[in-house]
Amino acid sequence: MAQDNNVSSLSQDEQDRIENLNYEDARDELIAAVQRLEAGGLSLDESVRQWEYGEALAQRAQQLLQDVRVKLGEAEKRHQSGQDTAGTQENIR
C-alpha cells in the first residue's frame, strides 16, 4: 500500500496485508487500533505507529466502500438502461 510520499513505520508486509483485508476485517482492526490509542499507556513511537496503522486501515475500508459505490452505480445504470428499453426490440438483441 503506497503512502503518498509519507514516511511510514509500517513494513511492506504490513501494508500488503492491510491491502488484502476485506471491509469487515479492516473495520474490526481499525476499531481495535483506536481502542489501543484511547486506552493510553503507549510510548510516543508506539502511538504514532498505531495511528499510522489506523490510518492505513481506514483508507482500506474507505477504498472498499468506494469500490462498492462504483459497482452499485454501474448496476443502477444497467438497470435503468434495461427499463428504458423494456418492451422494445432493443432488449431482444
PDB file of N, CA and C in Angstrom:
ATOM      1  N   MET A   1       0.853  -1.176   0.000  1.00  0.00           N
ATOM      2  CA  MET A   1       0.000   0.000   0.000  1.00  0.00           C
ATOM      3  C   MET A   1       0.886   1.222   0.000  1.00  0.00           C
ATOM      4  N   ALA A   2       0.809   2.036  -1.007  1.00  0.00           N
ATOM      5  CA  ALA A   2       1.634   3.236  -1.107  1.00  0.00           C
ATOM      6  C   ALA A   2       1.191   4.274  -0.095  1.00  0.00           C
ATOM      7  N   GLN A   3       2.159   5.021   0.413  1.00  0.00           N
ATOM      8  CA  GLN A   3       1.865   6.013   1.433  1.00  0.00           C
ATOM      9  C   GLN A   3       1.992   7.444   0.921  1.00  0.00           C
ATOM     10  N   ASP A   4       1.946   7.694  -0.387  1.00  0.00           N
ATOM     11  CA  ASP A   4       1.917   9.036  -0.949  1.00  0.00           C
ATOM     12  C   ASP A   4       3.011   9.936  -0.384  1.00  0.00           C
ATOM     13  N   ASN A   5       4.261   9.562  -0.572  1.00  0.00           N
ATOM     14  CA  ASN A   5       5.406  10.369  -0.164  1.00  0.00           C
ATOM     15  C   ASN A   5       5.533  10.550   1.342  1.00  0.00           C
ATOM     16  N   ASN A   6       4.715   9.910   2.144  1.00  0.00           N
ATOM     17  CA  ASN A   6       4.835   9.992   3.591  1.00  0.00           C
ATOM     18  C   ASN A   6       5.746   8.874   4.067  1.00  0.00           C
ATOM     19  N   VAL A   7       6.538   9.173   5.069  1.00  0.00           N
ATOM     20  CA  VAL A   7       7.365   8.145   5.680  1.00  0.00           C
ATOM     21  C   VAL A   7       6.455   7.352   6.616  1.00  0.00           C
ATOM     22  N   SER A   8       6.509   6.044   6.498  1.00  0.00           N
ATOM     23  CA  SER A   8       5.641   5.199   7.304  1.00  0.00           C
ATOM     24  C   SER A   8       6.473   4.227   8.112  1.00  0.00           C
ATOM     25  N   SER A   9       6.034   3.971   9.318  1.00  0.00           N
ATOM     26  CA  SER A   9       6.711   2.973  10.142  1.00  0.00           C
ATOM     27  C   SER A   9       6.172   1.574   9.863  1.00  0.00           C
ATOM     28  N   LEU A  10       5.162   1.471   9.017  1.00  0.00           N
ATOM     29  CA  LEU A  10       4.612   0.161   8.681  1.00  0.00           C
ATOM     30  C   LEU A  10       5.514  -0.532   7.670  1.00  0.00           C
ATOM     31  N   SER A  11       5.749  -1.809   7.895  1.00  0.00           N
ATOM     32  CA  SER A  11       6.568  -2.576   6.956  1.00  0.00           C
ATOM     33  C   SER A  11       5.771  -2.827   5.676  1.00  0.00           C
ATOM     34  N   GLN A  12       6.466  -3.201   4.647  1.00  0.00           N
ATOM     35  CA  GLN A  12       5.803  -3.528   3.383  1.00  0.00           C
ATOM     36  C   GLN A  12       4.872  -4.719   3.576  1.00  0.00           C
ATOM     37  N   ASP A  13       5.277  -5.688   4.398  1.00  0.00           N
ATOM     38  CA  ASP A  13       4.412  -6.843   4.678  1.00  0.00           C
ATOM     39  C   ASP A  13       3.118  -6.401   5.345  1.00  0.00           C
ATOM     40  N   GLU A  14       3.222  -5.474   6.305  1.00  0.00           N
ATOM     41  CA  GLU A  14       2.024  -4.969   6.975  1.00  0.00           C
ATOM     42  C   GLU A  14       1.128  -4.217   5.997  1.00  0.00           C
ATOM     43  N   GLN A  15       1.738  -3.401   5.166  1.00  0.00           N
ATOM     44  CA  GLN A  15       0.970  -2.653   4.176  1.00  0.00           C
ATOM     45  C   GLN A  15       0.283  -3.590   3.192  1.00  0.00           C
ATOM     46  N   ASP A  16       0.995  -4.620   2.766  1.00  0.00           N
ATOM     47  CA  ASP A  16       0.412  -5.604   1.845  1.00  0.00           C
ATOM     48  C   ASP A  16      -0.743  -6.355   2.504  1.00  0.00           C
ATOM     49  N   ARG A  17      -0.568  -6.722   3.774  1.00  0.00           N
ATOM     50  CA  ARG A  17      -1.617  -7.436   4.489  1.00  0.00           C
ATOM     51  C   ARG A  17      -2.868  -6.580   4.610  1.00  0.00           C
ATOM     52  N   ILE A  18      -2.686  -5.309   4.955  1.00  0.00           N
ATOM     53  CA  ILE A  18      -3.827  -4.400   5.059  1.00  0.00           C
ATOM     54  C   ILE A  18      -4.520  -4.278   3.702  1.00  0.00           C
ATOM     55  N   GLU A  19      -3.744  -4.194   2.647  1.00  0.00           N
ATOM     56  CA  GLU A  19      -4.297  -4.049   1.292  1.00  0.00           C
ATOM     57  C   GLU A  19      -5.160  -5.243   0.898  1.00  0.00           C
ATOM     58  N   ASN A  20      -4.969  -6.381   1.546  1.00  0.00           N
ATOM     59  CA  ASN A  20      -5.724  -7.590   1.215  1.00  0.00           C
ATOM     60  C   ASN A  20      -6.868  -7.885   2.179  1.00  0.00           C
ATOM     61  N   LEU A  21      -7.091  -7.001   3.154  1.00  0.00           N
ATOM     62  CA  LEU A  21      -8.181  -7.212   4.099  1.00  0.00           C
ATOM     63  C   LEU A  21      -9.526  -6.928   3.448  1.00  0.00           C
ATOM     64  N   ASN A  22     -10.540  -7.669   3.859  1.00  0.00           N
ATOM     65  CA  ASN A  22     -11.886  -7.330   3.428  1.00  0.00           C
ATOM     66  C   ASN A  22     -12.396  -6.205   4.332  1.00  0.00           C
ATOM     67  N   TYR A  23     -13.549  -5.653   4.002  1.00  0.00           N
ATOM     68  CA  TYR A  23     -14.064  -4.496   4.727  1.00  0.00           C
ATOM     69  C   TYR A  23     -14.259  -4.786   6.216  1.00  0.00           C
ATOM     70  N   GLU A  24     -14.884  -5.895   6.525  1.00  0.00           N
ATOM     71  CA  GLU A  24     -15.198  -6.211   7.914  1.00  0.00           C
ATOM     72  C   GLU A  24     -13.937  -6.364   8.758  1.00  0.00           C
ATOM     73  N   ASP A  25     -12.925  -7.028   8.195  1.00  0.00           N
ATOM     74  CA  ASP A  25     -11.671  -7.205   8.942  1.00  0.00           C
ATOM     75  C   ASP A  25     -10.950  -5.873   9.120  1.00  0.00           C
ATOM     76  N   ALA A  26     -10.936  -5.041   8.079  1.00  0.00           N
ATOM     77  CA  ALA A  26     -10.300  -3.721   8.188  1.00  0.00           C
ATOM     78  C   ALA A  26     -11.010  -2.884   9.242  1.00  0.00           C
ATOM     79  N   ARG A  27     -12.338  -2.919   9.237  1.00  0.00           N
ATOM     80  CA  ARG A  27     -13.125  -2.174  10.223  1.00  0.00           C
ATOM     81  C   ARG A  27     -12.838  -2.656  11.633  1.00  0.00           C
ATOM     82  N   ASP A  28     -12.835  -3.959  11.829  1.00  0.00           N
ATOM     83  CA  ASP A  28     -12.598  -4.524  13.156  1.00  0.00           C
ATOM     84  C   ASP A  28     -11.193  -4.180  13.661  1.00  0.00           C
ATOM     85  N   GLU A  29     -10.201  -4.271  12.788  1.00  0.00           N
ATOM     86  CA  GLU A  29      -8.838  -3.927  13.197  1.00  0.00           C
ATOM     87  C   GLU A  29      -8.712  -2.430  13.468  1.00  0.00           C
ATOM     88  N   LEU A  30      -9.428  -1.609  12.720  1.00  0.00           N
ATOM     89  CA  LEU A  30      -9.425  -0.171  12.966  1.00  0.00           C
ATOM     90  C   LEU A  30     -10.014   0.137  14.341  1.00  0.00           C
ATOM     91  N   ILE A  31     -11.113  -0.498  14.672  1.00  0.00           N
ATOM     92  CA  ILE A  31     -11.729  -0.304  15.990  1.00  0.00           C
ATOM     93  C   ILE A  31     -10.741  -0.678  17.090  1.00  0.00           C
ATOM     94  N   ALA A  32     -10.046  -1.798  16.923  1.00  0.00           N
ATOM     95  CA  ALA A  32      -9.073  -2.237  17.924  1.00  0.00           C
ATOM     96  C   ALA A  32      -7.910  -1.243  18.035  1.00  0.00           C
ATOM     97  N   ALA A  33      -7.461  -0.707  16.901  1.00  0.00           N
ATOM     98  CA  ALA A  33      -6.362   0.266  16.920  1.00  0.00           C
ATOM     99  C   ALA A  33      -6.783   1.534  17.658  1.00  0.00           C
ATOM    100  N   VAL A  34      -7.984   1.996  17.408  1.00  0.00           N
ATOM    101  CA  VAL A  34      -8.497   3.189  18.091  1.00  0.00           C
ATOM    102  C   VAL A  34      -8.611   2.919  19.594  1.00  0.00           C
ATOM    103  N   GLN A  35      -9.080   1.752  19.953  1.00  0.00           N
ATOM    104  CA  GLN A  35      -9.204   1.406  21.370  1.00  0.00           C
ATOM    105  C   GLN A  35      -7.847   1.387  22.059  1.00  0.00           C
ATOM    106  N   ARG A  36      -6.826   0.874  21.363  1.00  0.00           N
ATOM    107  CA  ARG A  36      -5.475   0.870  21.948  1.00  0.00           C
ATOM    108  C   ARG A  36      -4.974   2.296  22.148  1.00  0.00           C
ATOM    109  N   LEU A  37      -5.234   3.172  21.184  1.00  0.00           N
ATOM    110  CA  LEU A  37      -4.825   4.578  21.328  1.00  0.00           C
ATOM    111  C   LEU A  37      -5.573   5.252  22.470  1.00  0.00           C
ATOM    112  N   GLU A  38      -6.870   5.021  22.540  1.00  0.00           N
ATOM    113  CA  GLU A  38      -7.683   5.643  23.582  1.00  0.00           C
ATOM    114  C   GLU A  38      -7.327   5.141  24.978  1.00  0.00           C
ATOM    115  N   ALA A  39      -6.867   3.902  25.078  1.00  0.00           N
ATOM    116  CA  ALA A  39      -6.519   3.331  26.376  1.00  0.00           C
ATOM    117  C   ALA A  39      -5.269   3.989  26.957  1.00  0.00           C
ATOM    118  N   GLY A  40      -4.451   4.556  26.074  1.00  0.00           N
ATOM    119  CA  GLY A  40      -3.231   5.209  26.551  1.00  0.00           C
ATOM    120  C   GLY A  40      -2.183   4.202  26.951  1.00  0.00           C
ATOM    121  N   GLY A  41      -1.122   4.717  27.566  1.00  0.00           N
ATOM    122  CA  GLY A  41      -0.052   3.847  28.027  1.00  0.00           C
ATOM    123  C   GLY A  41       0.965   3.493  26.969  1.00  0.00           C
ATOM    124  N   LEU A  42       0.779   3.991  25.744  1.00  0.00           N
ATOM    125  CA  LEU A  42       1.734   3.718  24.675  1.00  0.00           C
ATOM    126  C   LEU A  42       2.805   4.800  24.666  1.00  0.00           C
ATOM    127  N   SER A  43       4.001   4.419  24.271  1.00  0.00           N
ATOM    128  CA  SER A  43       5.050   5.417  24.091  1.00  0.00           C
ATOM    129  C   SER A  43       4.692   6.277  22.878  1.00  0.00           C
ATOM    130  N   LEU A  44       5.399   7.366  22.709  1.00  0.00           N
ATOM    131  CA  LEU A  44       5.148   8.230  21.553  1.00  0.00           C
ATOM    132  C   LEU A  44       5.323   7.452  20.248  1.00  0.00           C
ATOM    133  N   ASP A  45       6.398   6.682  20.152  1.00  0.00           N
ATOM    134  CA  ASP A  45       6.639   5.893  18.934  1.00  0.00           C
ATOM    135  C   ASP A  45       5.527   4.871  18.699  1.00  0.00           C
ATOM    136  N   GLU A  46       5.099   4.212  19.761  1.00  0.00           N
ATOM    137  CA  GLU A  46       4.017   3.231  19.640  1.00  0.00           C
ATOM    138  C   GLU A  46       2.706   3.915  19.245  1.00  0.00           C
ATOM    139  N   SER A  47       2.467   5.091  19.793  1.00  0.00           N
ATOM    140  CA  SER A  47       1.252   5.840  19.446  1.00  0.00           C
ATOM    141  C   SER A  47       1.255   6.256  17.991  1.00  0.00           C
ATOM    142  N   VAL A  48       2.387   6.742  17.510  1.00  0.00           N
ATOM    143  CA  VAL A  48       2.495   7.145  16.102  1.00  0.00           C
ATOM    144  C   VAL A  48       2.293   5.939  15.203  1.00  0.00           C
ATOM    145  N   ARG A  49       2.904   4.840  15.567  1.00  0.00           N
ATOM    146  CA  ARG A  49       2.766   3.613  14.768  1.00  0.00           C
ATOM    147  C   ARG A  49       1.313   3.145  14.759  1.00  0.00           C
ATOM    148  N   GLN A  50       0.660   3.189  15.911  1.00  0.00           N
ATOM    149  CA  GLN A  50      -0.741   2.777  15.994  1.00  0.00           C
ATOM    150  C   GLN A  50      -1.613   3.715  15.157  1.00  0.00           C
ATOM    151  N   TRP A  51      -1.296   5.004  15.185  1.00  0.00           N
ATOM    152  CA  TRP A  51      -2.030   5.986  14.387  1.00  0.00           C
ATOM    153  C   TRP A  51      -1.881   5.671  12.894  1.00  0.00           C
ATOM    154  N   GLU A  52      -0.645   5.418  12.462  1.00  0.00           N
ATOM    155  CA  GLU A  52      -0.401   5.093  11.052  1.00  0.00           C
ATOM    156  C   GLU A  52      -1.122   3.814  10.646  1.00  0.00           C
ATOM    157  N   TYR A  53      -1.115   2.854  11.536  1.00  0.00           N
ATOM    158  CA  TYR A  53      -1.805   1.593  11.289  1.00  0.00           C
ATOM    159  C   TYR A  53      -3.304   1.854  11.119  1.00  0.00           C
ATOM    160  N   GLY A  54      -3.867   2.656  12.013  1.00  0.00           N
ATOM    161  CA  GLY A  54      -5.282   3.008  11.917  1.00  0.00           C
ATOM    162  C   GLY A  54      -5.601   3.765  10.645  1.00  0.00           C
ATOM    163  N   GLU A  55      -4.730   4.691  10.273  1.00  0.00           N
ATOM    164  CA  GLU A  55      -4.936   5.445   9.033  1.00  0.00           C
ATOM    165  C   GLU A  55      -4.944   4.515   7.820  1.00  0.00           C
ATOM    166  N   ALA A  56      -4.021   3.580   7.789  1.00  0.00           N
ATOM    167  CA  ALA A  56      -3.953   2.629   6.675  1.00  0.00           C
ATOM    168  C   ALA A  56      -5.210   1.762   6.630  1.00  0.00           C
ATOM    169  N   LEU A  57      -5.686   1.344   7.793  1.00  0.00           N
ATOM    170  CA  LEU A  57      -6.913   0.543   7.852  1.00  0.00           C
ATOM    171  C   LEU A  57      -8.119   1.360   7.400  1.00  0.00           C
ATOM    172  N   ALA A  58      -8.192   2.612   7.830  1.00  0.00           N
ATOM    173  CA  ALA A  58      -9.305   3.487   7.439  1.00  0.00           C
ATOM    174  C   ALA A  58      -9.291   3.712   5.931  1.00  0.00           C
ATOM    175  N   GLN A  59      -8.114   3.922   5.362  1.00  0.00           N
ATOM    176  CA  GLN A  59      -8.015   4.103   3.912  1.00  0.00           C
ATOM    177  C   GLN A  59      -8.478   2.855   3.175  1.00  0.00           C
ATOM    178  N   ARG A  60      -8.099   1.696   3.689  1.00  0.00           N
ATOM    179  CA  ARG A  60      -8.526   0.434   3.060  1.00  0.00           C
ATOM    180  C   ARG A  60     -10.043   0.303   3.104  1.00  0.00           C
ATOM    181  N   ALA A  61     -10.629   0.558   4.264  1.00  0.00           N
ATOM    182  CA  ALA A  61     -12.084   0.452   4.396  1.00  0.00           C
ATOM    183  C   ALA A  61     -12.780   1.449   3.473  1.00  0.00           C
ATOM    184  N   GLN A  62     -12.271   2.676   3.398  1.00  0.00           N
ATOM    185  CA  GLN A  62     -12.872   3.684   2.521  1.00  0.00           C
ATOM    186  C   GLN A  62     -12.772   3.274   1.056  1.00  0.00           C
ATOM    187  N   GLN A  63     -11.634   2.708   0.670  1.00  0.00           N
ATOM    188  CA  GLN A  63     -11.469   2.265  -0.719  1.00  0.00           C
ATOM    189  C   GLN A  63     -12.463   1.149  -1.052  1.00  0.00           C
ATOM    190  N   LEU A  64     -12.631   0.229  -0.128  1.00  0.00           N
ATOM    191  CA  LEU A  64     -13.592  -0.855  -0.364  1.00  0.00           C
ATOM    192  C   LEU A  64     -15.012  -0.317  -0.484  1.00  0.00           C
ATOM    193  N   LEU A  65     -15.367   0.651   0.353  1.00  0.00           N
ATOM    194  CA  LEU A  65     -16.702   1.263   0.253  1.00  0.00           C
ATOM    195  C   LEU A  65     -16.865   1.995  -1.077  1.00  0.00           C
ATOM    196  N   GLN A  66     -15.818   2.694  -1.493  1.00  0.00           N
ATOM    197  CA  GLN A  66     -15.879   3.392  -2.776  1.00  0.00           C
ATOM    198  C   GLN A  66     -16.054   2.407  -3.927  1.00  0.00           C
ATOM    199  N   ASP A  67     -15.344   1.291  -3.863  1.00  0.00           N
ATOM    200  CA  ASP A  67     -15.487   0.260  -4.900  1.00  0.00           C
ATOM    201  C   ASP A  67     -16.928  -0.237  -4.979  1.00  0.00           C
ATOM    202  N   VAL A  68     -17.555  -0.424  -3.826  1.00  0.00           N
ATOM    203  CA  VAL A  68     -18.948  -0.877  -3.793  1.00  0.00           C
ATOM    204  C   VAL A  68     -19.858   0.195  -4.378  1.00  0.00           C
ATOM    205  N   ARG A  69     -19.614   1.461  -4.034  1.00  0.00           N
ATOM    206  CA  ARG A  69     -20.423   2.553  -4.592  1.00  0.00           C
ATOM    207  C   ARG A  69     -20.351   2.572  -6.117  1.00  0.00           C
ATOM    208  N   VAL A  70     -19.150   2.368  -6.645  1.00  0.00           N
ATOM    209  CA  VAL A  70     -18.975   2.348  -8.107  1.00  0.00           C
ATOM    210  C   VAL A  70     -19.756   1.187  -8.709  1.00  0.00           C
ATOM    211  N   LYS A  71     -19.642   0.011  -8.109  1.00  0.00           N
ATOM    212  CA  LYS A  71     -20.359  -1.163  -8.620  1.00  0.00           C
ATOM    213  C   LYS A  71     -21.873  -0.957  -8.553  1.00  0.00           C
ATOM    214  N   LEU A  72     -22.345  -0.378  -7.462  1.00  0.00           N
ATOM    215  CA  LEU A  72     -23.783  -0.104  -7.349  1.00  0.00           C
ATOM    216  C   LEU A  72     -24.234   0.906  -8.400  1.00  0.00           C
ATOM    217  N   GLY A  73     -23.416   1.915  -8.621  1.00  0.00           N
ATOM    218  CA  GLY A  73     -23.743   2.906  -9.648  1.00  0.00           C
ATOM    219  C   GLY A  73     -23.821   2.284 -11.027  1.00  0.00           C
ATOM    220  N   GLU A  74     -22.877   1.394 -11.329  1.00  0.00           N
ATOM    221  CA  GLU A  74     -22.881   0.704 -12.623  1.00  0.00           C
ATOM    222  C   GLU A  74     -24.105  -0.191 -12.754  1.00  0.00           C
ATOM    223  N   ALA A  75     -24.432  -0.893 -11.687  1.00  0.00           N
ATOM    224  CA  ALA A  75     -25.609  -1.768 -11.715  1.00  0.00           C
ATOM    225  C   ALA A  75     -26.877  -0.944 -11.886  1.00  0.00           C
ATOM    226  N   GLU A  76     -26.929   0.198 -11.219  1.00  0.00           N
ATOM    227  CA  GLU A  76     -28.097   1.069 -11.345  1.00  0.00           C
ATOM    228  C   GLU A  76     -28.240   1.578 -12.780  1.00  0.00           C
ATOM    229  N   LYS A  77     -27.114   1.930 -13.415  1.00  0.00           N
ATOM    230  CA  LYS A  77     -27.158   2.384 -14.810  1.00  0.00           C
ATOM    231  C   LYS A  77     -27.646   1.263 -15.733  1.00  0.00           C
ATOM    232  N   ARG A  78     -27.140   0.039 -15.493  1.00  0.00           N
ATOM    233  CA  ARG A  78     -27.581  -1.091 -16.315  1.00  0.00           C
ATOM    234  C   ARG A  78     -29.067  -1.353 -16.113  1.00  0.00           C
ATOM    235  N   HIS A  79     -29.511  -1.262 -14.879  1.00  0.00           N
ATOM    236  CA  HIS A  79     -30.924  -1.467 -14.572  1.00  0.00           C
ATOM    237  C   HIS A  79     -31.776  -0.397 -15.250  1.00  0.00           C
ATOM    238  N   GLN A  80     -31.335   0.842 -15.147  1.00  0.00           N
ATOM    239  CA  GLN A  80     -32.073   1.943 -15.773  1.00  0.00           C
ATOM    240  C   GLN A  80     -32.106   1.776 -17.292  1.00  0.00           C
ATOM    241  N   SER A  81     -30.977   1.355 -17.853  1.00  0.00           N
ATOM    242  CA  SER A  81     -30.911   1.129 -19.298  1.00  0.00           C
ATOM    243  C   SER A  81     -31.880   0.025 -19.700  1.00  0.00           C
ATOM    244  N   GLY A  82     -31.976  -1.007 -18.878  1.00  0.00           N
ATOM    245  CA  GLY A  82     -32.908  -2.097 -19.150  1.00  0.00           C
ATOM    246  C   GLY A  82     -34.346  -1.634 -19.075  1.00  0.00           C
ATOM    247  N   GLN A  83     -34.649  -0.737 -18.149  1.00  0.00           N
ATOM    248  CA  GLN A  83     -36.005  -0.203 -18.037  1.00  0.00           C
ATOM    249  C   GLN A  83     -36.347   0.676 -19.231  1.00  0.00           C
ATOM    250  N   ASP A  84     -35.342   1.410 -19.716  1.00  0.00           N
ATOM    251  CA  ASP A  84     -35.570   2.296 -20.852  1.00  0.00           C
ATOM    252  C   ASP A  84     -35.929   1.523 -22.115  1.00  0.00           C
ATOM    253  N   THR A  85     -35.436   0.289 -22.207  1.00  0.00           N
ATOM    254  CA  THR A  85     -35.692  -0.495 -23.421  1.00  0.00           C
ATOM    255  C   THR A  85     -36.725  -1.593 -23.207  1.00  0.00           C
ATOM    256  N   ALA A  86     -37.269  -1.690 -22.017  1.00  0.00           N
ATOM    257  CA  ALA A  86     -38.256  -2.728 -21.721  1.00  0.00           C
ATOM    258  C   ALA A  86     -39.448  -2.593 -22.667  1.00  0.00           C
ATOM    259  N   GLY A  87     -39.848  -3.707 -23.233  1.00  0.00           N
ATOM    260  CA  GLY A  87     -40.985  -3.704 -24.131  1.00  0.00           C
ATOM    261  C   GLY A  87     -40.660  -3.268 -25.544  1.00  0.00           C
ATOM    262  N   THR A  88     -39.383  -3.099 -25.856  1.00  0.00           N
ATOM    263  CA  THR A  88     -38.976  -2.690 -27.200  1.00  0.00           C
ATOM    264  C   THR A  88     -38.118  -3.788 -27.799  1.00  0.00           C
ATOM    265  N   GLN A  89     -37.816  -3.628 -29.062  1.00  0.00           N
ATOM    266  CA  GLN A  89     -36.921  -4.571 -29.746  1.00  0.00           C
ATOM    267  C   GLN A  89     -35.498  -4.465 -29.217  1.00  0.00           C
ATOM    268  N   GLU A  90     -35.132  -3.363 -28.551  1.00  0.00           N
ATOM    269  CA  GLU A  90     -33.783  -3.159 -28.028  1.00  0.00           C
ATOM    270  C   GLU A  90     -33.396  -4.260 -27.037  1.00  0.00           C
ATOM    271  N   ASN A  91     -34.305  -4.736 -26.218  1.00  0.00           N
ATOM    272  CA  ASN A  91     -33.956  -5.710 -25.190  1.00  0.00           C
ATOM    273  C   ASN A  91     -33.898  -7.126 -25.719  1.00  0.00           C
ATOM    274  N   ILE A  92     -34.143  -7.355 -26.972  1.00  0.00           N
ATOM    275  CA  ILE A  92     -34.113  -8.699 -27.541  1.00  0.00           C
ATOM    276  C   ILE A  92     -32.732  -9.020 -28.103  1.00  0.00           C
ATOM    277  N   ARG A  93     -31.976  -8.040 -28.454  1.00  0.00           N
ATOM    278  CA  ARG A  93     -30.667  -8.255 -29.079  1.00  0.00           C
ATOM    279  C   ARG A  93     -29.701  -8.970 -28.231  1.00  0.00           C
TER     280      ARG A  93
END
